Protein backbone atom coordinates (compact mmCIF):
# COMPACT_ATOMS: atom_id res chain seq x y z
CA MET A 1 18.30 -28.76 16.55
CA THR A 2 19.00 -27.30 19.99
CA GLU A 3 17.34 -28.55 23.16
CA SER A 4 15.58 -25.18 23.44
CA ASP A 5 14.12 -25.56 19.94
CA ARG A 6 12.93 -29.08 20.77
CA LYS A 7 11.11 -27.85 23.90
CA ILE A 8 9.35 -25.13 21.90
CA ILE A 9 8.19 -27.61 19.23
CA ASP A 10 6.92 -30.01 21.88
CA LYS A 11 5.00 -27.17 23.49
CA LEU A 12 3.40 -26.19 20.17
CA LYS A 13 1.90 -29.68 19.87
CA GLU A 14 -0.55 -28.62 22.58
CA ILE A 15 -2.17 -25.89 20.43
CA PRO A 16 -5.90 -26.72 20.13
CA ASP A 17 -6.24 -25.53 16.51
CA GLU A 18 -5.78 -28.76 14.52
CA TYR A 19 -5.15 -26.99 11.20
CA THR A 20 -2.44 -24.75 12.72
CA ARG A 21 -0.87 -27.78 14.42
CA GLY A 22 -0.69 -29.58 11.08
CA ILE A 23 1.17 -26.72 9.37
CA ILE A 24 3.55 -26.34 12.32
CA LYS A 25 4.25 -30.07 12.27
CA LYS A 26 5.37 -29.88 8.62
CA LEU A 27 7.60 -26.86 9.26
CA ALA A 28 9.02 -28.46 12.42
CA ARG A 29 10.44 -31.29 10.29
CA ILE A 30 12.72 -28.72 8.62
CA ILE A 31 14.01 -27.62 12.03
CA ILE A 32 14.43 -31.18 13.28
CA SER A 33 16.21 -32.40 10.14
CA GLY A 34 18.06 -29.08 9.69
CA ASP A 35 21.13 -30.72 8.11
CA GLY A 36 23.17 -27.71 9.17
CA ASN A 37 21.20 -25.32 6.91
CA LYS A 38 20.77 -22.42 9.30
CA ILE A 39 18.81 -20.26 6.85
CA SER A 40 16.17 -22.98 6.33
CA ILE A 41 15.87 -23.47 10.08
CA ALA A 42 15.50 -19.73 10.75
CA ASN A 43 12.95 -19.38 7.95
CA ALA A 44 10.90 -22.34 9.24
CA LYS A 45 10.85 -20.80 12.72
CA PHE A 46 9.81 -17.43 11.31
CA LEU A 47 6.95 -19.01 9.32
CA ILE A 48 5.77 -20.91 12.39
CA ALA A 49 5.84 -17.73 14.48
CA THR A 50 3.91 -15.66 11.91
CA ILE A 51 1.27 -18.40 11.58
CA LEU A 52 0.87 -18.43 15.36
CA LEU A 53 0.66 -14.63 15.44
CA ASN A 54 -1.99 -14.56 12.70
CA LYS A 55 -3.98 -17.10 14.72
CA ASN A 56 -3.60 -14.86 17.81
CA TYR A 57 -1.30 -17.25 19.71
CA LYS A 58 0.85 -14.30 20.70
CA GLU A 59 2.76 -15.83 23.62
CA GLU A 60 3.72 -18.86 21.57
CA ALA A 61 4.64 -16.66 18.60
CA LEU A 62 6.86 -14.52 20.83
CA GLU A 63 8.67 -17.60 22.11
CA VAL A 64 9.37 -18.83 18.58
CA PHE A 65 10.47 -15.39 17.35
CA ASN A 66 12.88 -15.22 20.29
CA SER A 67 14.35 -18.60 19.34
CA ILE A 68 15.61 -17.21 16.01
CA ARG A 69 19.29 -16.38 16.32
CA LEU A 70 21.40 -13.78 14.55
CA GLU A 71 23.95 -16.37 13.42
CA GLU A 72 21.21 -18.34 11.62
CA ASN A 73 20.37 -15.46 9.29
CA LYS A 74 20.66 -11.70 9.85
CA SER A 75 17.69 -10.67 7.68
CA ILE A 76 15.29 -13.20 9.24
CA TYR A 77 16.57 -12.29 12.70
CA GLU A 78 15.84 -8.60 12.02
CA ASN A 79 12.32 -9.46 10.83
CA ALA A 80 11.78 -11.47 14.00
CA GLN A 81 13.00 -8.58 16.16
CA PHE A 82 10.50 -6.26 14.50
CA PHE A 83 7.64 -8.61 15.37
CA ILE A 84 8.97 -9.10 18.90
CA GLY A 85 8.86 -5.34 19.38
CA ASP A 86 5.30 -5.14 18.07
CA ILE A 87 4.06 -7.92 20.38
CA LEU A 88 5.80 -6.48 23.44
CA LEU A 89 4.42 -2.99 22.75
CA GLU A 90 1.00 -4.34 23.76
CA SER A 91 2.30 -5.28 27.22
CA ASP A 92 1.42 -3.37 30.40
CA SER A 93 4.94 -3.97 31.67
CA LEU A 94 7.41 -1.12 31.18
CA VAL A 95 10.20 -3.73 31.18
CA ASP A 96 8.60 -5.23 28.08
CA ILE A 97 8.32 -1.76 26.53
CA GLU A 98 12.06 -1.24 27.12
CA HIS A 99 12.69 -4.59 25.41
CA ALA A 100 10.42 -3.57 22.54
CA LYS A 101 12.35 -0.32 22.13
CA SER A 102 15.64 -2.26 22.00
CA SER A 103 14.20 -4.47 19.24
CA PHE A 104 13.14 -1.45 17.18
CA VAL A 105 16.50 0.26 17.68
CA PHE A 106 18.17 -2.91 16.36
CA VAL A 107 16.07 -2.90 13.14
CA LYS A 108 15.96 0.84 12.49
CA ASN A 109 18.35 0.43 9.56
CA LYS A 110 16.17 -2.18 7.84
CA PHE A 111 12.80 -0.62 8.68
CA PRO A 112 13.66 3.08 9.17
CA TYR A 113 10.15 4.56 8.85
CA GLU A 114 8.38 1.95 10.96
CA ALA A 115 11.08 1.73 13.63
CA LYS A 116 11.27 5.51 14.02
CA ASN A 117 7.53 5.67 14.76
CA LYS A 118 7.63 2.73 17.16
CA ILE A 119 10.66 4.09 19.06
CA ASP A 120 8.85 7.41 19.54
CA ILE A 121 5.79 5.53 20.81
CA CYS A 122 7.96 3.52 23.23
CA ASN A 123 9.49 6.74 24.57
CA LEU A 124 6.04 8.19 25.24
CA ILE A 125 4.88 5.07 27.08
CA LEU A 126 8.08 4.89 29.13
CA ASP A 127 7.51 8.49 30.26
CA ARG A 128 4.84 8.05 32.94
CA SER A 129 3.38 11.48 32.15
CA PHE A 130 2.53 10.42 28.59
CA GLU A 131 1.90 6.68 28.94
CA GLU A 132 -1.83 6.87 28.09
CA LEU A 133 -1.14 9.07 25.07
CA GLY A 134 1.62 6.71 23.90
CA ARG A 135 -0.72 3.72 24.07
CA ASN A 136 -3.41 5.64 22.15
CA ILE A 137 -0.92 6.53 19.43
CA PHE A 138 0.22 2.89 19.26
CA GLU A 139 -3.41 1.92 18.66
CA ILE A 140 -3.66 4.58 15.93
CA SER A 141 -0.56 3.08 14.29
CA ASN A 142 -2.08 -0.42 14.40
CA LEU A 143 -5.34 0.84 12.89
CA VAL A 144 -3.50 2.59 10.05
CA TYR A 145 -1.84 -0.72 9.13
CA LYS A 146 -5.16 -2.59 9.35
CA ILE A 147 -6.79 -0.05 7.03
CA LEU A 148 -3.86 -0.17 4.64
CA SER A 149 -4.02 -3.97 4.48
CA ILE A 150 -7.73 -3.75 3.56
CA LEU A 151 -7.08 -1.21 0.80
CA LYS A 152 -4.04 -2.92 -0.73
CA ILE A 153 -5.03 -4.85 -3.83
CA ASP A 154 -3.55 -8.31 -3.43
CA ILE A 155 -3.14 -8.51 -7.18
CA ASN A 156 -0.56 -11.31 -7.09
CA SER A 157 -2.74 -13.67 -5.04
CA ILE A 158 -5.36 -14.43 -7.69
CA GLY A 159 -7.28 -17.53 -6.67
CA LYS A 160 -6.34 -17.14 -3.01
CA LYS A 161 -7.69 -13.94 -1.51
CA GLN A 162 -8.15 -11.62 -4.46
CA LEU A 163 -10.93 -11.81 -6.99
CA HIS A 164 -10.17 -12.52 -10.65
CA ALA A 165 -12.25 -9.40 -11.36
CA GLU A 166 -9.43 -7.09 -10.23
CA ARG A 167 -6.59 -8.82 -12.04
CA LYS A 168 -5.76 -5.93 -14.41
CA LEU A 169 -5.58 -2.17 -13.99
CA ALA A 170 -5.70 0.68 -16.50
CA HIS A 171 -3.58 3.82 -16.75
CA TYR A 172 -4.84 6.64 -18.97
CA THR A 173 -2.23 8.67 -20.81
CA SER A 174 -1.51 10.49 -24.07
CA THR A 175 -0.44 8.86 -27.32
CA GLU A 176 2.80 10.83 -27.04
CA VAL A 177 3.65 9.28 -23.66
CA ALA A 178 2.59 5.82 -24.90
CA ASN A 179 5.01 6.18 -27.82
CA ILE A 180 7.85 7.20 -25.47
CA LEU A 181 7.21 4.25 -23.13
CA LEU A 182 6.84 1.64 -25.87
CA HIS A 183 9.39 2.85 -28.41
CA ASN A 184 12.44 2.42 -26.20
CA PRO A 185 11.57 0.75 -22.86
CA ASN A 186 15.27 0.49 -21.93
CA THR A 187 15.66 4.25 -21.63
CA ASN A 188 12.08 5.40 -20.94
CA SER A 189 10.34 4.33 -17.73
CA PHE A 190 6.88 4.69 -16.25
CA ARG A 191 6.79 7.75 -13.99
CA LEU A 192 5.20 8.47 -10.64
CA ASN A 193 4.56 12.22 -10.56
CA THR A 194 4.42 14.61 -7.63
CA ILE A 195 1.10 14.93 -5.82
CA HIS A 196 1.22 18.66 -6.64
CA ASN A 197 0.18 17.87 -10.22
CA VAL A 198 -3.24 16.44 -9.25
CA ASN A 199 -6.53 18.13 -10.10
CA ASP A 200 -8.02 17.71 -6.59
CA PRO A 201 -7.04 20.63 -4.29
CA SER A 202 -8.21 18.71 -1.20
CA GLU A 203 -5.53 16.01 -1.64
CA GLY A 204 -3.85 15.14 1.66
CA LYS A 205 -6.26 17.15 3.82
CA LEU A 206 -9.48 15.11 3.84
CA LEU A 207 -8.19 12.44 6.23
CA GLU A 208 -7.38 14.92 8.97
CA GLY A 209 -10.72 16.66 8.44
CA TYR A 210 -12.59 13.36 8.77
CA LEU A 211 -10.71 12.36 11.93
CA LYS A 212 -11.45 15.75 13.50
CA ASN A 213 -15.11 15.52 12.44
CA GLU A 214 -14.88 18.61 10.26
CA SER A 215 -17.56 18.95 7.58
CA LYS A 216 -15.87 21.62 5.45
CA ASP A 217 -13.71 20.85 2.43
CA GLY A 218 -10.72 22.74 3.81
CA ASP A 219 -8.48 25.35 2.22
CA SER A 220 -7.59 25.10 -1.45
CA GLY A 221 -4.28 23.90 -2.83
CA VAL A 222 -2.13 20.89 -2.00
CA ARG A 223 0.27 21.93 0.77
CA PHE A 224 3.97 21.69 0.00
CA ASP A 225 5.79 19.53 2.54
CA GLY A 226 9.52 20.12 2.50
CA GLU A 227 10.29 16.91 4.42
CA TYR A 228 8.04 14.37 2.70
CA GLN A 229 7.39 14.38 -1.03
CA THR A 230 4.61 12.12 -2.33
CA PHE A 231 4.70 10.68 -5.84
CA ILE A 232 1.78 8.76 -7.34
CA GLY A 233 0.98 6.55 -10.32
CA CYS A 234 -2.77 6.49 -11.05
CA PHE A 235 -4.73 3.43 -12.18
CA THR A 236 -8.37 2.42 -12.42
CA PHE A 237 -10.46 -0.75 -12.60
CA ASN A 238 -12.42 0.71 -15.51
CA HIS A 239 -10.41 0.11 -18.68
CA ASP A 240 -12.56 1.84 -21.28
CA SER A 241 -14.12 4.90 -19.64
CA LEU A 242 -15.21 7.86 -21.73
CA ASN A 243 -14.98 10.15 -18.70
CA GLN A 244 -11.33 9.18 -18.13
CA PHE A 245 -10.53 9.52 -21.84
CA ARG A 246 -12.00 13.04 -21.83
CA LEU A 247 -10.06 14.13 -18.75
CA TYR A 248 -6.68 12.43 -19.16
CA GLY A 249 -4.16 11.90 -21.93
CA LYS A 250 -5.30 14.80 -24.07
CA GLN A 251 -3.22 15.46 -27.16
CA ASP A 252 -3.08 19.19 -28.06
CA TYR A 253 -5.88 19.82 -25.48
CA LYS A 254 -8.23 17.62 -27.49
CA GLU A 255 -10.64 15.53 -25.42
CA ALA A 256 -10.72 11.72 -25.76
CA SER A 257 -7.48 11.69 -27.75
CA GLY A 258 -5.35 9.39 -25.57
CA VAL A 259 -4.99 5.70 -24.75
CA SER A 260 -5.70 3.36 -21.85
CA LEU A 261 -2.77 1.07 -21.01
CA ILE A 262 -3.96 -2.15 -19.35
CA PHE A 263 -1.31 -3.59 -17.01
CA ASN A 264 -1.20 -7.20 -15.85
CA LYS A 265 -0.62 -8.18 -12.22
CA ASP A 266 3.15 -8.65 -12.57
CA PHE A 267 3.64 -4.90 -13.02
CA PHE A 268 2.88 -4.46 -9.32
CA LYS A 269 4.58 -5.69 -6.19
CA GLU A 270 3.20 -8.52 -4.14
CA ASN A 271 1.92 -7.12 -0.87
CA ASP A 272 4.19 -6.40 2.07
CA HIS A 273 3.37 -7.59 5.53
CA PRO A 274 0.77 -5.14 6.93
CA ASP A 275 3.27 -3.77 9.45
CA GLN A 276 5.87 -2.90 6.83
CA VAL A 277 5.52 -0.02 4.39
CA SER A 278 7.95 -0.26 1.48
CA PHE A 279 6.58 2.79 -0.32
CA ILE A 280 7.76 5.23 2.37
CA ALA A 281 11.48 5.88 1.93
CA THR A 282 11.93 9.02 4.00
CA GLU A 283 14.95 7.65 5.86
CA ARG A 284 18.02 6.43 4.00
CA SER A 285 19.06 2.89 4.94
CA LEU A 286 22.77 2.27 5.47
CA ASP A 287 22.45 -0.87 3.34
CA GLU A 288 20.87 1.02 0.46
CA GLU A 289 22.69 1.94 -2.72
CA VAL A 290 22.97 5.73 -2.74
CA SER A 291 23.17 5.72 -6.53
CA LYS A 292 19.76 4.10 -7.02
CA GLU A 293 17.99 5.84 -9.90
CA LYS A 294 14.68 3.96 -10.16
CA ILE A 295 12.26 2.75 -7.54
CA SER A 296 11.55 -0.95 -7.17
CA GLN A 297 8.13 -2.51 -7.74
CA GLN A 298 5.42 -1.18 -5.44
CA PRO A 299 1.99 -2.43 -4.33
CA VAL A 300 -1.16 -0.84 -5.73
CA ILE A 301 -3.80 0.46 -3.32
CA ARG A 302 -7.44 1.39 -3.85
CA CYS A 303 -8.52 4.95 -3.00
CA VAL A 304 -11.35 5.92 -0.66
CA TYR A 305 -13.84 8.65 -1.59
CA ILE A 306 -15.33 10.81 1.17
CA ASP A 307 -18.02 13.48 1.12
CA PRO A 308 -16.88 15.95 3.83
CA SER A 309 -20.40 17.26 4.53
CA SER A 310 -22.24 13.94 4.92
CA GLN A 311 -19.13 11.78 5.58
CA PHE A 312 -20.43 9.25 3.04
CA ILE A 313 -17.64 6.82 2.10
CA HIS A 314 -17.08 4.82 -1.09
CA LEU A 315 -14.21 2.45 -1.93
CA ALA A 316 -12.79 2.43 -5.46
CA GLN A 317 -14.16 -0.55 -7.38
CA ARG A 318 -15.14 -1.87 -10.79
CA ASN A 319 -18.32 -0.49 -12.38
CA GLN A 320 -21.12 -2.92 -13.11
CA ILE A 321 -21.13 -2.18 -16.84
CA THR A 322 -17.57 -3.52 -17.18
CA PHE A 323 -18.78 -7.05 -16.41
CA TYR A 324 -21.33 -6.94 -19.24
CA ARG A 325 -18.68 -5.70 -21.62
CA GLU A 326 -16.27 -8.42 -20.57
CA PHE A 327 -18.72 -11.35 -20.73
CA SER A 328 -20.94 -11.76 -23.77
CA ASP A 329 -23.23 -14.15 -21.89
CA ARG A 330 -25.64 -12.06 -19.78
CA VAL A 331 -26.16 -14.81 -17.20
CA GLU A 332 -22.41 -15.21 -16.69
CA ALA A 333 -22.02 -11.45 -16.36
CA ASP A 334 -24.81 -11.37 -13.74
CA ILE A 335 -23.12 -14.12 -11.71
CA LYS A 336 -19.70 -12.45 -11.88
CA TRP A 337 -21.14 -9.07 -10.90
CA ILE A 338 -23.12 -10.46 -7.93
CA LYS A 339 -20.02 -12.28 -6.66
CA TYR A 340 -17.92 -9.14 -7.01
CA LYS A 341 -20.59 -6.96 -5.35
CA LYS A 342 -20.60 -9.26 -2.30
CA TYR A 343 -16.83 -9.11 -2.16
CA ILE A 344 -16.61 -5.32 -2.38
CA ASP A 345 -19.49 -4.81 0.08
CA LYS A 346 -17.73 -7.02 2.63
CA LYS A 347 -14.47 -5.12 2.12
CA THR A 348 -16.28 -1.78 2.46
CA ASN A 349 -17.96 -2.84 5.72
CA GLU A 350 -14.63 -4.03 7.11
CA PHE A 351 -13.02 -0.74 6.15
CA LEU A 352 -15.81 1.32 7.73
CA ILE A 353 -15.43 -0.51 11.06
CA TRP A 354 -11.69 0.14 11.33
CA PHE A 355 -11.94 3.67 9.91
CA GLU A 356 -14.49 4.58 12.59
CA CYS A 357 -12.22 3.04 15.23
CA LEU A 358 -9.38 5.18 13.91
CA LYS A 359 -11.51 8.30 14.26
CA GLY A 360 -12.49 7.46 17.85
CA THR A 361 -8.93 6.65 18.92
CA TYR A 362 -7.55 9.74 17.17
CA GLN A 363 -10.03 11.99 18.98
CA LYS A 364 -9.10 10.44 22.33
CA ALA A 365 -5.45 11.20 21.63
CA MET A 366 -6.26 14.76 20.56
CA ASP A 367 -8.23 15.33 23.80
CA ILE A 368 -5.03 14.54 25.71
CA VAL A 369 -2.89 16.60 23.32
CA SER A 370 -5.15 19.65 23.84
CA LYS A 371 -4.04 19.78 27.49
CA LEU A 372 -0.31 19.75 26.72
CA ASP A 373 2.04 22.70 26.36
CA GLN A 374 2.73 24.06 22.89
CA SER A 375 6.15 22.43 22.35
CA LYS A 376 4.88 18.96 23.30
CA THR A 377 1.74 19.47 21.20
CA SER A 378 3.90 20.25 18.17
CA GLU A 379 6.03 17.15 18.78
CA ILE A 380 2.96 14.87 19.03
CA ASN A 381 1.32 16.38 15.94
CA ILE A 382 4.46 15.68 13.93
CA LEU A 383 4.44 12.05 15.13
CA LEU A 384 0.73 11.63 14.33
CA ASP A 385 1.16 13.14 10.85
CA ARG A 386 4.01 10.72 10.18
CA ILE A 387 1.98 7.72 11.41
CA LEU A 388 -1.00 8.67 9.20
CA LEU A 389 1.23 9.16 6.17
CA PRO A 390 0.61 5.68 4.59
CA ILE A 391 -3.12 6.41 4.09
CA LYS A 392 -3.08 10.22 3.84
CA TYR A 393 -3.03 10.30 0.03
CA LEU A 394 -5.53 7.48 -0.44
CA ILE A 395 -8.45 9.60 0.76
CA LYS A 396 -10.08 11.57 -2.08
CA HIS A 397 -13.07 13.87 -2.45
CA ILE A 398 -16.35 12.23 -3.47
CA ALA A 399 -16.50 14.54 -6.51
CA PHE A 400 -13.87 12.30 -8.13
CA GLN A 401 -15.66 9.02 -7.34
CA GLU A 402 -16.29 8.16 -11.01
CA GLU A 403 -12.55 7.68 -11.50
CA GLN A 404 -12.55 4.58 -9.22
CA GLU A 405 -8.85 5.20 -8.72
CA CYS A 406 -6.12 2.97 -7.37
CA ARG A 407 -2.68 4.31 -6.63
CA MET A 408 0.91 3.32 -6.56
CA ILE A 409 2.49 5.64 -3.96
CA TYR A 410 6.09 6.49 -3.18
CA ILE A 411 6.97 8.92 -0.38
CA THR A 412 10.50 10.17 0.02
CA SER A 413 12.61 13.30 0.54
CA LEU A 414 13.75 15.67 -2.18
CA ASP A 415 17.44 14.93 -1.64
CA ARG A 416 17.06 11.29 -2.67
CA PRO A 417 18.84 10.29 -5.91
CA GLU A 418 15.71 8.74 -7.43
CA VAL A 419 13.86 12.09 -7.42
CA LYS A 420 14.24 13.69 -10.85
CA MET A 421 13.18 17.05 -12.24
CA GLU A 422 12.37 18.96 -15.38
CA PHE A 423 12.50 22.43 -13.89
CA GLY A 424 9.14 24.19 -13.76
CA ARG A 425 7.38 21.25 -15.40
CA PHE A 426 7.84 17.89 -13.72
CA LEU A 427 9.04 16.41 -10.45
CA TYR A 428 8.96 12.61 -10.61
CA VAL A 429 10.47 9.21 -9.83
CA GLU A 430 10.96 6.43 -12.38
CA TYR A 431 9.59 2.92 -11.93
CA GLU A 432 11.87 -0.02 -12.66
CA ALA A 433 9.28 -2.45 -14.11
CA ASP A 434 9.21 -2.52 -17.92
CA VAL A 435 5.95 -1.18 -19.36
CA LYS A 436 6.00 -3.16 -22.61
CA LEU A 437 6.66 -6.47 -20.84
CA HIS A 438 3.71 -5.99 -18.51
CA LEU A 439 1.01 -4.72 -20.84
CA ASP A 440 -2.02 -6.86 -21.59
CA LYS A 441 -4.02 -4.55 -23.85
CA ILE A 442 -4.36 -0.98 -25.12
CA TYR A 443 -7.65 0.84 -25.66
CA ILE A 444 -7.55 3.76 -28.10
CA ALA A 445 -9.82 6.73 -27.32
CA PRO A 446 -12.50 7.78 -29.86
CA ALA A 447 -10.49 10.79 -31.06
CA ALA A 448 -7.21 8.90 -31.37
CA THR A 449 -8.12 6.09 -33.77
CA GLN A 450 -5.59 7.36 -36.34
CA TYR A 451 -2.81 6.12 -34.02
CA GLN A 452 -3.87 2.46 -34.29
CA PRO A 453 -1.36 1.48 -37.05
CA TYR A 454 1.49 3.25 -35.25
CA LEU A 455 0.76 1.48 -31.97
CA ALA A 456 0.48 -1.80 -33.89
CA LYS A 457 3.97 -1.18 -35.26
CA LEU A 458 5.35 -0.50 -31.74
CA LEU A 459 3.78 -3.73 -30.48
CA CYS A 460 4.31 -6.01 -33.49
CA ASP A 461 6.82 -8.12 -31.55
CA THR A 462 4.34 -8.77 -28.72
CA ASN A 463 0.95 -10.40 -28.08
CA ILE A 464 -0.51 -7.17 -26.66
CA LYS A 465 -4.03 -6.53 -27.99
CA ILE A 466 -5.11 -3.16 -29.38
CA GLU A 467 -8.80 -2.24 -29.28
CA LEU A 468 -10.76 0.85 -30.19
CA SER A 469 -12.90 2.32 -27.41
CA ASN A 470 -16.51 1.12 -27.31
CA ASN A 471 -17.66 4.61 -26.32
CA PRO A 472 -19.33 6.91 -28.90
CA TYR A 473 -17.97 10.45 -28.88
CA ARG A 474 -18.17 13.36 -31.32
CA GLN A 475 -15.32 15.85 -31.08
CA THR A 476 -16.62 19.45 -30.94
């Protein structure tokens, strides 16, 4: 351990938060007894710094981040530089902003989307004419990440932060697709399809309308964006929904003729840090394999439903009836539902606070933008659109509220090798996680019961359960 590291650890002993001090003390032992393992030392420092940052000890966190050296571990050093830049961006000092910019330039290969946005923000702040606007846009960026962190379903932290109630998610599809996915998982992968296939023409436009306080639904049709292509995989908390069976997975245009695939938590990626967005791959990293054909595991995020006229907001969630179907004991179902209702109400209130802050800050920025010349206005609008991108396709029209949808999102450019096409029919990316290995159960729709023995054959080497839908339905 260096003398500099020792001084930092001694200083951290003065932190008043006893719990934080106790964690730091344990991690400090790794640094003190390093035994020449530079990676362990760098990782311990990084953990200490992130704990301090989460507890709002920003100055102390900055000092620890700065103590991490490149020779200890490149990846951890790059992560530290990203956080250093974020902390310094809050400073009033333009010297600190220059330092922040240098940090983001250093990590632009590892975090291309995030660093590009932050470098543009730094440039605005460093230009005295646009300093106020730059700081407003930085606040918008922070609010987007706060909102995203609220909406991300922390599905791999059961028993910590996430409720057991949201441990599994359903995907509705046709029996034909189910057969393709289950018959030969090695060659057939789960697909995320282009946003242009969705049935909601307001997709991607409601967020901007809300932020601008517009009450109209907007023009029809999902706009084609030549630079950013959005691909989505759709899931829901409601595993056996007649409405979803009637709408999705139709075989030969026949309603309620598909299946509901219930995925366990391991199908999805454990959450990223709030300031890092793995599902936006618009810039190619120099370290990335150019031949990559499938996308890696991604987090799943709940959608938000908005009524443009009243601006009523609803977060995707489990329906009450699902608790009474899951638990045969009525009292137990009541208890589980009440607990979940408190959880989702708290999450909704938290979301509403930050979403309203986003609207206020966005409107302040647009007031400044309205006074700029046309070329600068265009430049700022492009930056704002890019910053809002992580939550743009999570905002849906209230008319689709019954779907209670969650999404896996992947945003990239058309020239990427993972983007595949069946001309005139499908534009999609393939997901690397094996469907069959991550299934928990399959529900068969009322008009698809004849497929039960065939699905049983496909799954005879697994413990995956097959159940017929509980919903009555007469095919007309």
